[in-house]
């Protein structure tokens, strides 16, 4: 078993934080996005869509999409629970993770790539970058309110929602802006969460 990833990209980062919180040790093989390795062989045989991360099982089965990989590991290793233990907890956690992914991480990624993408050949559109940044305060305010009375995004313990939100905030640093500015509860959560061992990239200091 191994995971193809690029640790500084947000979706692979989300998965790495999840595995760290679960205490799962899975080998990684780097696919260098900056060098364009995701757009050529042999990686296109592994994932024709060119996306990361990809989990490869010992029998050769491959699974792409970070959330699908996370839920696969969650079913194999339910403790500690990272999606909840009751139907309502799971629904609430999945809701918050989807908002974190689509409304926060997704907008941050589009902002970064349209402002000054770290990937070669990406031509940014400044108007799109500004639109993404203008749209961010609304979902950020939602998370700030959620965190007003609890230590983690979905409650008393870390969940996949924390993993996704953290990955988005880390990627925002490439855009040279702080998404927690003006949101006291988010700022407290981010400062505390990035001190967790799960956020470290082995061999490097965690960004931020």
N, C-alpha and C. Protein backbone atom coordinates (compact mmCIF):
# COMPACT_ATOMS: atom_id res chain seq x y z
N UNK A 1 0.84 -1.20 0.00
CA UNK A 1 0.00 0.00 0.00
C UNK A 1 0.87 1.25 0.00
N UNK A 2 0.47 2.23 -0.81
CA UNK A 2 1.17 3.52 -0.79
C UNK A 2 0.24 4.59 -1.31
N UNK A 3 0.62 5.84 -1.05
CA UNK A 3 -0.16 6.99 -1.49
C UNK A 3 0.72 7.86 -2.38
N UNK A 4 0.24 8.14 -3.58
CA UNK A 4 0.90 9.11 -4.44
C UNK A 4 0.42 10.50 -4.02
N UNK A 5 1.36 11.38 -3.74
CA UNK A 5 0.94 12.71 -3.30
C UNK A 5 2.01 13.75 -3.58
N UNK A 6 1.65 14.99 -3.33
CA UNK A 6 2.58 16.11 -3.32
C UNK A 6 2.21 16.89 -2.06
N UNK A 7 3.04 16.83 -1.01
CA UNK A 7 2.58 17.21 0.32
C UNK A 7 2.17 18.66 0.49
N UNK A 8 2.54 19.54 -0.45
CA UNK A 8 2.20 20.95 -0.30
C UNK A 8 0.90 21.32 -1.00
N UNK A 9 0.34 20.38 -1.77
CA UNK A 9 -0.95 20.62 -2.41
C UNK A 9 -2.06 20.38 -1.39
N UNK A 10 -3.17 21.12 -1.48
CA UNK A 10 -4.17 21.06 -0.41
C UNK A 10 -4.86 19.72 -0.22
N UNK A 11 -5.25 19.03 -1.28
CA UNK A 11 -5.94 17.75 -1.08
C UNK A 11 -5.03 16.67 -0.51
N UNK A 12 -3.79 16.53 -1.01
CA UNK A 12 -2.87 15.62 -0.33
C UNK A 12 -2.59 16.04 1.12
N UNK A 13 -2.53 17.34 1.37
CA UNK A 13 -2.28 17.81 2.74
C UNK A 13 -3.42 17.42 3.66
N UNK A 14 -4.64 17.57 3.18
CA UNK A 14 -5.82 17.16 3.94
C UNK A 14 -5.71 15.70 4.36
N UNK A 15 -5.33 14.84 3.41
CA UNK A 15 -5.22 13.41 3.70
C UNK A 15 -4.10 13.14 4.69
N UNK A 16 -2.97 13.83 4.53
CA UNK A 16 -1.85 13.63 5.46
C UNK A 16 -2.24 14.00 6.89
N UNK A 17 -2.96 15.10 7.04
CA UNK A 17 -3.39 15.50 8.39
C UNK A 17 -4.34 14.46 8.96
N UNK A 18 -5.26 13.98 8.15
CA UNK A 18 -6.17 12.93 8.60
C UNK A 18 -5.41 11.70 9.07
N UNK A 19 -4.48 11.22 8.28
CA UNK A 19 -3.71 10.03 8.66
C UNK A 19 -2.92 10.28 9.94
N UNK A 20 -2.40 11.49 10.10
CA UNK A 20 -1.67 11.83 11.31
C UNK A 20 -2.57 11.80 12.53
N UNK A 21 -3.77 12.33 12.40
CA UNK A 21 -4.72 12.30 13.52
C UNK A 21 -5.13 10.87 13.87
N UNK A 22 -5.21 10.02 12.86
CA UNK A 22 -5.59 8.62 13.10
C UNK A 22 -4.42 7.77 13.60
N UNK A 23 -3.21 8.28 13.45
CA UNK A 23 -2.05 7.49 13.82
C UNK A 23 -1.74 6.39 12.83
N UNK A 24 -2.08 6.61 11.55
CA UNK A 24 -1.85 5.61 10.51
C UNK A 24 -0.59 5.96 9.74
N UNK A 25 0.25 4.97 9.53
CA UNK A 25 1.53 5.17 8.84
C UNK A 25 1.44 4.49 7.47
N UNK A 26 1.34 5.30 6.43
CA UNK A 26 1.25 4.80 5.06
C UNK A 26 2.39 5.42 4.25
N UNK A 27 3.15 4.62 3.49
CA UNK A 27 4.22 5.21 2.68
C UNK A 27 3.69 6.13 1.59
N UNK A 28 4.48 7.15 1.28
CA UNK A 28 4.12 8.11 0.24
C UNK A 28 5.12 8.05 -0.90
N UNK A 29 4.61 8.28 -2.11
CA UNK A 29 5.48 8.46 -3.27
C UNK A 29 5.14 9.81 -3.89
N UNK A 30 6.14 10.66 -4.01
CA UNK A 30 5.91 12.02 -4.47
C UNK A 30 5.70 12.08 -5.97
N UNK A 31 4.67 12.80 -6.37
CA UNK A 31 4.45 13.18 -7.77
C UNK A 31 4.59 14.70 -7.79
N UNK A 32 5.64 15.19 -8.39
CA UNK A 32 5.97 16.60 -8.29
C UNK A 32 5.11 17.44 -9.23
N UNK A 33 4.14 18.15 -8.65
CA UNK A 33 3.24 18.96 -9.45
C UNK A 33 3.96 20.13 -10.11
N UNK A 34 4.93 20.68 -9.42
CA UNK A 34 5.67 21.83 -9.97
C UNK A 34 6.43 21.43 -11.22
N UNK A 35 6.88 20.18 -11.26
CA UNK A 35 7.60 19.68 -12.45
C UNK A 35 6.65 19.09 -13.49
N UNK A 36 5.36 19.12 -13.22
CA UNK A 36 4.38 18.64 -14.18
C UNK A 36 4.28 17.13 -14.30
N UNK A 37 4.76 16.39 -13.28
CA UNK A 37 4.75 14.92 -13.38
C UNK A 37 3.34 14.35 -13.41
N UNK A 38 2.34 15.11 -12.94
CA UNK A 38 0.96 14.64 -12.94
C UNK A 38 0.33 14.64 -14.33
N UNK A 39 1.01 15.30 -15.26
CA UNK A 39 0.44 15.44 -16.62
C UNK A 39 1.10 14.52 -17.63
N UNK A 40 1.92 13.58 -17.17
CA UNK A 40 2.60 12.69 -18.11
C UNK A 40 2.76 11.31 -17.50
N UNK A 41 3.20 10.38 -18.33
CA UNK A 41 3.46 9.03 -17.85
C UNK A 41 4.70 9.04 -16.97
N UNK A 42 4.75 8.13 -15.97
CA UNK A 42 3.81 7.03 -15.75
C UNK A 42 2.58 7.39 -14.93
N UNK A 43 2.49 8.65 -14.44
CA UNK A 43 1.39 8.92 -13.51
C UNK A 43 0.03 8.87 -14.20
N UNK A 44 -0.06 9.24 -15.47
CA UNK A 44 -1.36 9.23 -16.12
C UNK A 44 -1.94 7.83 -16.25
N UNK A 45 -1.09 6.81 -16.19
CA UNK A 45 -1.61 5.44 -16.13
C UNK A 45 -2.21 5.16 -14.77
N UNK A 46 -1.64 5.77 -13.74
CA UNK A 46 -2.14 5.59 -12.37
C UNK A 46 -3.45 6.33 -12.18
N UNK A 47 -3.53 7.57 -12.64
CA UNK A 47 -4.76 8.35 -12.58
C UNK A 47 -4.87 9.18 -13.86
N UNK A 48 -5.70 8.74 -14.81
CA UNK A 48 -5.81 9.44 -16.08
C UNK A 48 -6.25 10.89 -15.94
N UNK A 49 -6.89 11.25 -14.81
CA UNK A 49 -7.31 12.62 -14.60
C UNK A 49 -6.18 13.49 -14.06
N UNK A 50 -5.08 12.87 -13.65
CA UNK A 50 -3.92 13.62 -13.21
C UNK A 50 -4.00 14.22 -11.83
N UNK A 51 -5.01 13.82 -11.05
CA UNK A 51 -5.19 14.42 -9.73
C UNK A 51 -4.52 13.64 -8.62
N UNK A 52 -4.23 14.34 -7.54
CA UNK A 52 -3.66 13.76 -6.33
C UNK A 52 -4.58 14.08 -5.14
N UNK A 53 -4.56 13.20 -4.12
CA UNK A 53 -3.76 11.99 -3.94
C UNK A 53 -4.42 10.78 -4.61
N UNK A 54 -3.62 9.69 -4.68
CA UNK A 54 -4.12 8.39 -5.14
C UNK A 54 -3.61 7.33 -4.17
N UNK A 55 -4.51 6.50 -3.68
CA UNK A 55 -4.15 5.37 -2.83
C UNK A 55 -4.01 4.13 -3.70
N UNK A 56 -2.88 3.45 -3.59
CA UNK A 56 -2.67 2.20 -4.32
C UNK A 56 -2.56 1.07 -3.31
N UNK A 57 -3.46 0.10 -3.40
CA UNK A 57 -3.46 -1.03 -2.49
C UNK A 57 -2.48 -2.10 -2.95
N UNK A 58 -2.23 -3.07 -2.08
CA UNK A 58 -1.23 -4.09 -2.38
C UNK A 58 -1.61 -4.95 -3.58
N UNK A 59 -2.92 -5.05 -3.86
CA UNK A 59 -3.35 -5.86 -5.00
C UNK A 59 -3.40 -5.06 -6.30
N UNK A 60 -2.95 -3.80 -6.23
CA UNK A 60 -2.94 -2.95 -7.42
C UNK A 60 -4.15 -2.07 -7.58
N UNK A 61 -5.17 -2.27 -6.74
CA UNK A 61 -6.35 -1.41 -6.80
C UNK A 61 -5.97 0.03 -6.47
N UNK A 62 -6.51 0.96 -7.23
CA UNK A 62 -6.20 2.37 -7.01
C UNK A 62 -7.48 3.15 -6.73
N UNK A 63 -7.36 4.07 -5.78
CA UNK A 63 -8.50 4.88 -5.37
C UNK A 63 -8.05 6.34 -5.34
N UNK A 64 -8.71 7.17 -6.14
CA UNK A 64 -8.41 8.59 -6.15
C UNK A 64 -9.48 9.34 -5.36
N UNK A 65 -9.31 10.66 -5.24
CA UNK A 65 -10.20 11.57 -4.51
C UNK A 65 -9.95 11.47 -3.00
N UNK A 66 -9.52 12.59 -2.43
CA UNK A 66 -9.09 12.59 -1.02
C UNK A 66 -10.19 12.14 -0.07
N UNK A 67 -11.42 12.60 -0.29
CA UNK A 67 -12.50 12.24 0.64
C UNK A 67 -12.83 10.76 0.55
N UNK A 68 -12.81 10.19 -0.65
CA UNK A 68 -13.07 8.75 -0.80
C UNK A 68 -11.99 7.94 -0.09
N UNK A 69 -10.74 8.38 -0.20
CA UNK A 69 -9.64 7.69 0.48
C UNK A 69 -9.81 7.79 1.99
N UNK A 70 -10.16 8.97 2.48
CA UNK A 70 -10.38 9.17 3.91
C UNK A 70 -11.49 8.27 4.41
N UNK A 71 -12.59 8.19 3.70
CA UNK A 71 -13.71 7.36 4.17
C UNK A 71 -13.35 5.88 4.10
N UNK A 72 -12.52 5.49 3.15
CA UNK A 72 -12.04 4.10 3.11
C UNK A 72 -11.26 3.77 4.38
N UNK A 73 -10.32 4.64 4.73
CA UNK A 73 -9.54 4.40 5.96
C UNK A 73 -10.43 4.48 7.20
N UNK A 74 -11.41 5.34 7.18
CA UNK A 74 -12.29 5.49 8.36
C UNK A 74 -13.07 4.20 8.61
N UNK A 75 -13.48 3.53 7.54
CA UNK A 75 -14.20 2.27 7.72
C UNK A 75 -13.27 1.18 8.22
N UNK A 76 -12.02 1.21 7.78
CA UNK A 76 -11.07 0.21 8.25
C UNK A 76 -10.60 0.48 9.68
N UNK A 77 -10.51 1.75 10.05
CA UNK A 77 -9.97 2.14 11.35
C UNK A 77 -10.90 3.17 11.99
N UNK A 78 -12.00 2.74 12.58
CA UNK A 78 -12.99 3.69 13.09
C UNK A 78 -12.58 4.46 14.34
N UNK A 79 -11.50 4.05 15.00
CA UNK A 79 -11.06 4.74 16.22
C UNK A 79 -9.70 5.38 16.00
N UNK A 80 -9.50 6.63 16.42
CA UNK A 80 -10.54 7.53 16.93
C UNK A 80 -11.46 7.99 15.82
N UNK A 81 -12.73 8.20 16.13
CA UNK A 81 -13.69 8.57 15.08
C UNK A 81 -13.40 9.96 14.53
N UNK A 82 -13.36 10.08 13.22
CA UNK A 82 -13.08 11.37 12.58
C UNK A 82 -14.27 11.86 11.74
N UNK A 83 -15.34 11.07 11.71
CA UNK A 83 -16.55 11.51 10.99
C UNK A 83 -17.76 11.46 11.92
N UNK A 84 -17.58 11.09 13.16
CA UNK A 84 -18.70 11.03 14.09
C UNK A 84 -19.07 9.60 14.44
N UNK A 85 -19.89 9.47 15.47
CA UNK A 85 -20.28 8.14 15.95
C UNK A 85 -21.78 7.89 15.87
N UNK A 86 -22.56 8.91 15.57
CA UNK A 86 -24.02 8.76 15.42
C UNK A 86 -24.40 9.30 14.05
N UNK A 87 -25.59 8.93 13.55
CA UNK A 87 -26.01 9.47 12.25
C UNK A 87 -26.00 10.99 12.21
N UNK A 88 -26.44 11.65 13.28
CA UNK A 88 -26.47 13.11 13.28
C UNK A 88 -25.06 13.69 13.31
N UNK A 89 -24.18 13.11 14.13
CA UNK A 89 -22.79 13.59 14.16
C UNK A 89 -22.14 13.44 12.80
N UNK A 90 -22.36 12.31 12.15
CA UNK A 90 -21.75 12.08 10.85
C UNK A 90 -22.29 13.05 9.80
N UNK A 91 -23.60 13.29 9.85
CA UNK A 91 -24.19 14.22 8.89
C UNK A 91 -23.65 15.63 9.12
N UNK A 92 -23.56 16.03 10.37
CA UNK A 92 -23.08 17.38 10.68
C UNK A 92 -21.60 17.53 10.27
N UNK A 93 -20.82 16.51 10.55
CA UNK A 93 -19.40 16.58 10.19
C UNK A 93 -19.23 16.63 8.68
N UNK A 94 -19.97 15.80 7.96
CA UNK A 94 -19.87 15.80 6.50
C UNK A 94 -20.32 17.15 5.93
N UNK A 95 -21.36 17.73 6.51
CA UNK A 95 -21.81 19.05 6.07
C UNK A 95 -20.70 20.08 6.21
N UNK A 96 -20.08 20.12 7.37
CA UNK A 96 -19.03 21.11 7.61
C UNK A 96 -17.80 20.85 6.75
N UNK A 97 -17.48 19.58 6.52
CA UNK A 97 -16.34 19.27 5.66
C UNK A 97 -16.60 19.72 4.23
N UNK A 98 -17.82 19.52 3.74
CA UNK A 98 -18.14 19.93 2.37
C UNK A 98 -18.10 21.45 2.24
N UNK A 99 -18.58 22.17 3.25
CA UNK A 99 -18.50 23.63 3.21
C UNK A 99 -17.04 24.07 3.23
N UNK A 100 -16.24 23.42 4.09
CA UNK A 100 -14.81 23.74 4.15
C UNK A 100 -14.14 23.49 2.81
N UNK A 101 -14.51 22.42 2.14
CA UNK A 101 -13.87 22.06 0.87
C UNK A 101 -14.33 22.97 -0.26
N UNK A 102 -15.63 23.05 -0.45
CA UNK A 102 -16.17 23.75 -1.62
C UNK A 102 -16.16 25.26 -1.46
N UNK A 103 -16.47 25.75 -0.25
CA UNK A 103 -16.64 27.18 -0.06
C UNK A 103 -15.38 27.89 0.44
N UNK A 104 -14.47 27.14 1.09
CA UNK A 104 -13.26 27.76 1.61
C UNK A 104 -12.03 27.29 0.82
N UNK A 105 -11.68 26.02 0.94
CA UNK A 105 -10.49 25.52 0.25
C UNK A 105 -10.58 25.76 -1.25
N UNK A 106 -11.73 25.49 -1.84
CA UNK A 106 -11.89 25.67 -3.28
C UNK A 106 -11.68 27.11 -3.70
N UNK A 107 -12.25 28.05 -2.94
CA UNK A 107 -12.07 29.47 -3.28
C UNK A 107 -10.62 29.90 -3.05
N UNK A 108 -10.01 29.42 -1.97
CA UNK A 108 -8.61 29.77 -1.73
C UNK A 108 -7.74 29.26 -2.88
N UNK A 109 -7.98 28.03 -3.31
CA UNK A 109 -7.18 27.46 -4.40
C UNK A 109 -7.35 28.28 -5.68
N UNK A 110 -8.57 28.67 -5.98
CA UNK A 110 -8.79 29.47 -7.20
C UNK A 110 -8.17 30.86 -7.05
N UNK A 111 -8.22 31.40 -5.84
CA UNK A 111 -7.56 32.69 -5.61
C UNK A 111 -6.06 32.57 -5.87
N UNK A 112 -5.43 31.57 -5.26
CA UNK A 112 -3.98 31.41 -5.40
C UNK A 112 -3.59 31.19 -6.85
N UNK A 113 -4.30 30.28 -7.54
CA UNK A 113 -3.91 29.95 -8.91
C UNK A 113 -4.18 31.09 -9.88
N UNK A 114 -5.12 31.96 -9.55
CA UNK A 114 -5.40 33.09 -10.43
C UNK A 114 -4.60 34.33 -10.05
N UNK A 115 -4.01 34.31 -8.86
CA UNK A 115 -3.17 35.44 -8.45
C UNK A 115 -1.74 35.20 -8.88
N UNK A 116 -1.17 34.09 -8.40
CA UNK A 116 0.21 33.74 -8.76
C UNK A 116 0.38 32.25 -8.49
N UNK A 117 0.01 31.45 -9.47
CA UNK A 117 0.02 30.00 -9.28
C UNK A 117 1.44 29.48 -9.12
N UNK A 118 1.63 28.52 -8.18
CA UNK A 118 2.94 27.87 -8.08
C UNK A 118 3.18 26.86 -9.19
N UNK A 119 2.15 26.56 -9.97
CA UNK A 119 2.29 25.58 -11.04
C UNK A 119 2.68 26.26 -12.34
N UNK A 120 3.62 25.67 -13.06
CA UNK A 120 4.05 26.29 -14.32
C UNK A 120 2.94 26.23 -15.36
N UNK A 121 2.88 27.26 -16.17
CA UNK A 121 1.93 27.27 -17.28
C UNK A 121 0.53 27.71 -16.93
N UNK A 122 0.26 28.00 -15.66
CA UNK A 122 -1.09 28.44 -15.26
C UNK A 122 -1.16 29.96 -15.40
N UNK A 123 -2.06 30.41 -16.25
CA UNK A 123 -2.23 31.85 -16.47
C UNK A 123 -3.41 32.34 -15.64
N UNK A 124 -3.12 33.16 -14.68
CA UNK A 124 -4.16 33.63 -13.78
C UNK A 124 -5.01 34.74 -14.38
N UNK A 125 -6.22 34.85 -13.84
CA UNK A 125 -7.15 35.92 -14.20
C UNK A 125 -7.37 36.75 -12.94
N UNK A 126 -6.79 37.94 -12.85
CA UNK A 126 -6.88 38.73 -11.62
C UNK A 126 -8.31 38.95 -11.15
N UNK A 127 -9.24 39.12 -12.08
CA UNK A 127 -10.63 39.36 -11.67
C UNK A 127 -11.22 38.16 -10.95
N UNK A 128 -10.84 36.96 -11.37
CA UNK A 128 -11.31 35.75 -10.69
C UNK A 128 -10.72 35.68 -9.29
N UNK A 129 -9.44 36.01 -9.17
CA UNK A 129 -8.80 36.00 -7.85
C UNK A 129 -9.52 36.94 -6.90
N UNK A 130 -9.82 38.13 -7.34
CA UNK A 130 -10.49 39.09 -6.47
C UNK A 130 -11.91 38.66 -6.12
N UNK A 131 -12.59 38.03 -7.09
CA UNK A 131 -13.93 37.53 -6.81
C UNK A 131 -13.90 36.45 -5.73
N UNK A 132 -12.92 35.53 -5.83
CA UNK A 132 -12.81 34.46 -4.85
C UNK A 132 -12.55 35.03 -3.46
N UNK A 133 -11.66 35.99 -3.39
CA UNK A 133 -11.36 36.58 -2.09
C UNK A 133 -12.56 37.33 -1.53
N UNK A 134 -13.31 37.98 -2.38
CA UNK A 134 -14.50 38.70 -1.93
C UNK A 134 -15.58 37.76 -1.42
N UNK A 135 -15.60 36.52 -1.93
CA UNK A 135 -16.63 35.56 -1.52
C UNK A 135 -16.27 34.79 -0.26
N UNK A 136 -15.02 34.86 0.18
CA UNK A 136 -14.57 34.05 1.31
C UNK A 136 -15.15 34.45 2.67
N UNK A 137 -15.37 35.73 2.97
CA UNK A 137 -15.81 36.07 4.33
C UNK A 137 -17.10 35.38 4.78
N UNK A 138 -18.01 35.14 3.88
CA UNK A 138 -19.28 34.53 4.30
C UNK A 138 -19.09 33.12 4.87
N UNK A 139 -18.44 32.19 4.15
CA UNK A 139 -18.22 30.87 4.77
C UNK A 139 -17.26 30.92 5.95
N UNK A 140 -16.29 31.84 5.93
CA UNK A 140 -15.39 31.95 7.07
C UNK A 140 -16.15 32.39 8.32
N UNK A 141 -17.13 33.28 8.14
CA UNK A 141 -17.94 33.71 9.28
C UNK A 141 -18.74 32.54 9.86
N UNK A 142 -19.19 31.65 8.99
CA UNK A 142 -19.90 30.47 9.47
C UNK A 142 -19.01 29.63 10.37
N UNK A 143 -17.77 29.39 9.95
CA UNK A 143 -16.87 28.59 10.78
C UNK A 143 -16.46 29.33 12.05
N UNK A 144 -16.32 30.64 11.96
CA UNK A 144 -16.00 31.41 13.15
C UNK A 144 -17.10 31.25 14.19
N UNK A 145 -18.35 31.26 13.75
CA UNK A 145 -19.48 31.08 14.67
C UNK A 145 -19.50 29.67 15.25
N UNK A 146 -19.21 28.67 14.42
CA UNK A 146 -19.18 27.28 14.91
C UNK A 146 -18.13 27.12 16.00
N UNK A 147 -17.01 27.81 15.86
CA UNK A 147 -15.88 27.65 16.77
C UNK A 147 -16.00 28.51 18.02
N UNK A 148 -17.06 29.28 18.13
CA UNK A 148 -17.20 30.18 19.27
C UNK A 148 -17.27 29.44 20.60
N UNK A 149 -17.86 28.26 20.58
CA UNK A 149 -18.02 27.54 21.85
C UNK A 149 -17.46 26.14 21.87
N UNK A 150 -16.54 25.85 20.96
CA UNK A 150 -15.98 24.50 20.89
C UNK A 150 -14.56 24.55 20.36
N UNK A 151 -13.73 23.56 20.71
CA UNK A 151 -12.32 23.62 20.32
C UNK A 151 -12.05 23.26 18.87
N UNK A 152 -12.92 22.44 18.27
CA UNK A 152 -12.70 22.00 16.89
C UNK A 152 -13.92 22.34 16.04
N UNK A 153 -13.76 22.22 14.75
CA UNK A 153 -14.78 22.68 13.82
C UNK A 153 -16.14 22.03 14.07
N UNK A 154 -16.14 20.72 14.33
CA UNK A 154 -17.41 20.01 14.49
C UNK A 154 -17.71 19.64 15.94
N UNK A 155 -16.93 20.14 16.88
CA UNK A 155 -17.23 19.82 18.28
C UNK A 155 -16.02 19.67 19.15
N UNK A 156 -16.08 18.64 20.02
CA UNK A 156 -15.06 18.49 21.06
C UNK A 156 -13.81 17.75 20.60
N UNK A 157 -13.85 17.15 19.42
CA UNK A 157 -12.68 16.42 18.94
C UNK A 157 -12.45 16.72 17.47
N UNK A 158 -11.22 16.54 17.00
CA UNK A 158 -10.94 16.83 15.58
C UNK A 158 -11.66 15.86 14.65
N UNK A 159 -12.03 16.38 13.49
CA UNK A 159 -12.72 15.59 12.48
C UNK A 159 -12.14 15.91 11.12
N UNK A 160 -12.71 15.29 10.10
CA UNK A 160 -12.27 15.56 8.74
C UNK A 160 -12.50 17.02 8.35
N UNK A 161 -13.46 17.69 9.00
CA UNK A 161 -13.69 19.11 8.71
C UNK A 161 -12.48 19.95 9.09
N UNK A 162 -11.84 19.62 10.21
CA UNK A 162 -10.62 20.33 10.60
C UNK A 162 -9.52 20.09 9.59
N UNK A 163 -9.39 18.86 9.12
CA UNK A 163 -8.33 18.52 8.15
C UNK A 163 -8.46 19.35 6.89
N UNK A 164 -9.68 19.47 6.39
CA UNK A 164 -9.91 20.19 5.15
C UNK A 164 -9.71 21.69 5.33
N UNK A 165 -10.25 22.23 6.41
CA UNK A 165 -10.10 23.66 6.65
C UNK A 165 -8.63 24.03 6.85
N UNK A 166 -7.90 23.21 7.59
CA UNK A 166 -6.48 23.47 7.81
C UNK A 166 -5.72 23.46 6.49
N UNK A 167 -5.99 22.48 5.63
CA UNK A 167 -5.30 22.40 4.34
C UNK A 167 -5.56 23.65 3.50
N UNK A 168 -6.78 24.14 3.55
CA UNK A 168 -7.09 25.37 2.82
C UNK A 168 -6.33 26.56 3.36
N UNK A 169 -6.28 26.69 4.68
CA UNK A 169 -5.58 27.83 5.29
C UNK A 169 -4.08 27.78 4.99
N UNK A 170 -3.51 26.58 4.99
CA UNK A 170 -2.10 26.47 4.67
C UNK A 170 -1.83 26.90 3.23
N UNK A 171 -2.72 26.52 2.32
CA UNK A 171 -2.52 26.89 0.92
C UNK A 171 -2.66 28.39 0.72
N UNK A 172 -3.46 29.04 1.57
CA UNK A 172 -3.64 30.48 1.46
C UNK A 172 -2.34 31.24 1.61
N UNK A 173 -1.37 30.63 2.30
CA UNK A 173 -0.10 31.32 2.48
C UNK A 173 0.60 31.59 1.15
N UNK A 174 0.35 30.73 0.14
CA UNK A 174 0.93 30.97 -1.18
C UNK A 174 0.33 32.22 -1.82
N UNK A 175 -0.87 32.58 -1.38
CA UNK A 175 -1.50 33.80 -1.87
C UNK A 175 -1.19 35.00 -1.01
N UNK A 176 -0.36 34.76 0.01
CA UNK A 176 0.12 35.83 0.89
C UNK A 176 -1.03 36.58 1.56
N UNK A 177 -2.00 35.81 2.05
CA UNK A 177 -3.04 36.43 2.85
C UNK A 177 -3.46 35.48 3.97
N UNK A 178 -4.02 36.07 5.01
CA UNK A 178 -4.41 35.32 6.20
C UNK A 178 -5.94 35.25 6.25
N UNK A 179 -6.53 34.08 5.98
CA UNK A 179 -7.99 33.98 5.98
C UNK A 179 -8.62 34.13 7.37
N UNK A 180 -7.81 34.07 8.42
CA UNK A 180 -8.37 34.20 9.77
C UNK A 180 -8.47 35.65 10.22
N UNK A 181 -7.93 36.58 9.43
CA UNK A 181 -7.94 37.98 9.85
C UNK A 181 -9.37 38.48 10.05
N UNK A 182 -9.62 39.02 11.23
CA UNK A 182 -10.95 39.52 11.56
C UNK A 182 -11.87 38.48 12.16
N UNK A 183 -11.40 37.24 12.28
CA UNK A 183 -12.21 36.15 12.84
C UNK A 183 -11.48 35.56 14.04
N UNK A 184 -11.82 36.01 15.22
CA UNK A 184 -11.06 35.65 16.42
C UNK A 184 -11.09 34.15 16.72
N UNK A 185 -12.25 33.54 16.56
CA UNK A 185 -12.36 32.11 16.89
C UNK A 185 -11.61 31.25 15.87
N UNK A 186 -11.69 31.62 14.61
CA UNK A 186 -10.91 30.92 13.59
C UNK A 186 -9.42 31.09 13.83
N UNK A 187 -9.01 32.28 14.20
CA UNK A 187 -7.59 32.52 14.46
C UNK A 187 -7.11 31.68 15.62
N UNK A 188 -7.91 31.58 16.67
CA UNK A 188 -7.54 30.73 17.82
C UNK A 188 -7.44 29.27 17.38
N UNK A 189 -8.43 28.80 16.64
CA UNK A 189 -8.41 27.40 16.19
C UNK A 189 -7.18 27.12 15.32
N UNK A 190 -6.90 28.01 14.37
CA UNK A 190 -5.79 27.78 13.46
C UNK A 190 -4.46 27.77 14.20
N UNK A 191 -4.28 28.70 15.12
CA UNK A 191 -3.04 28.75 15.89
C UNK A 191 -2.84 27.49 16.70
N UNK A 192 -3.91 26.95 17.26
CA UNK A 192 -3.82 25.73 18.07
C UNK A 192 -3.69 24.49 17.20
N UNK A 193 -4.45 24.44 16.11
CA UNK A 193 -4.45 23.21 15.30
C UNK A 193 -3.12 23.00 14.61
N UNK A 194 -2.48 24.08 14.17
CA UNK A 194 -1.23 23.89 13.43
C UNK A 194 -0.07 23.49 14.34
N UNK A 195 -0.30 23.46 15.66
CA UNK A 195 0.70 22.93 16.58
C UNK A 195 0.55 21.43 16.80
N UNK A 196 -0.50 20.84 16.25
CA UNK A 196 -0.71 19.40 16.43
C UNK A 196 0.31 18.61 15.60
N UNK A 197 0.80 17.49 16.12
CA UNK A 197 1.78 16.69 15.36
C UNK A 197 1.30 16.28 13.98
N UNK A 198 -0.02 16.12 13.81
CA UNK A 198 -0.55 15.68 12.52
C UNK A 198 -0.31 16.67 11.39
N UNK A 199 -0.03 17.92 11.73
CA UNK A 199 0.13 18.93 10.68
C UNK A 199 1.56 19.01 10.17
N UNK A 200 2.48 18.27 10.77
CA UNK A 200 3.88 18.32 10.37
C UNK A 200 4.12 17.47 9.13
N UNK A 201 4.92 17.98 8.23
CA UNK A 201 5.39 17.19 7.09
C UNK A 201 6.74 16.61 7.49
N UNK A 202 6.87 15.31 7.52
CA UNK A 202 8.15 14.70 7.97
C UNK A 202 9.34 15.27 7.21
N UNK A 203 10.35 15.66 7.98
CA UNK A 203 11.57 16.20 7.40
C UNK A 203 11.55 17.69 7.18
N UNK A 204 10.35 18.30 7.34
CA UNK A 204 10.23 19.73 7.15
C UNK A 204 9.41 20.31 8.28
N UNK A 205 9.62 21.58 8.56
CA UNK A 205 8.75 22.27 9.49
C UNK A 205 7.42 22.51 8.81
N UNK A 206 6.34 22.39 9.57
CA UNK A 206 5.03 22.68 8.99
C UNK A 206 4.98 24.13 8.54
N UNK A 207 4.39 24.33 7.38
CA UNK A 207 4.26 25.70 6.89
C UNK A 207 3.44 26.51 7.87
N UNK A 208 3.83 27.75 8.03
CA UNK A 208 3.12 28.62 8.97
C UNK A 208 3.66 28.47 10.32
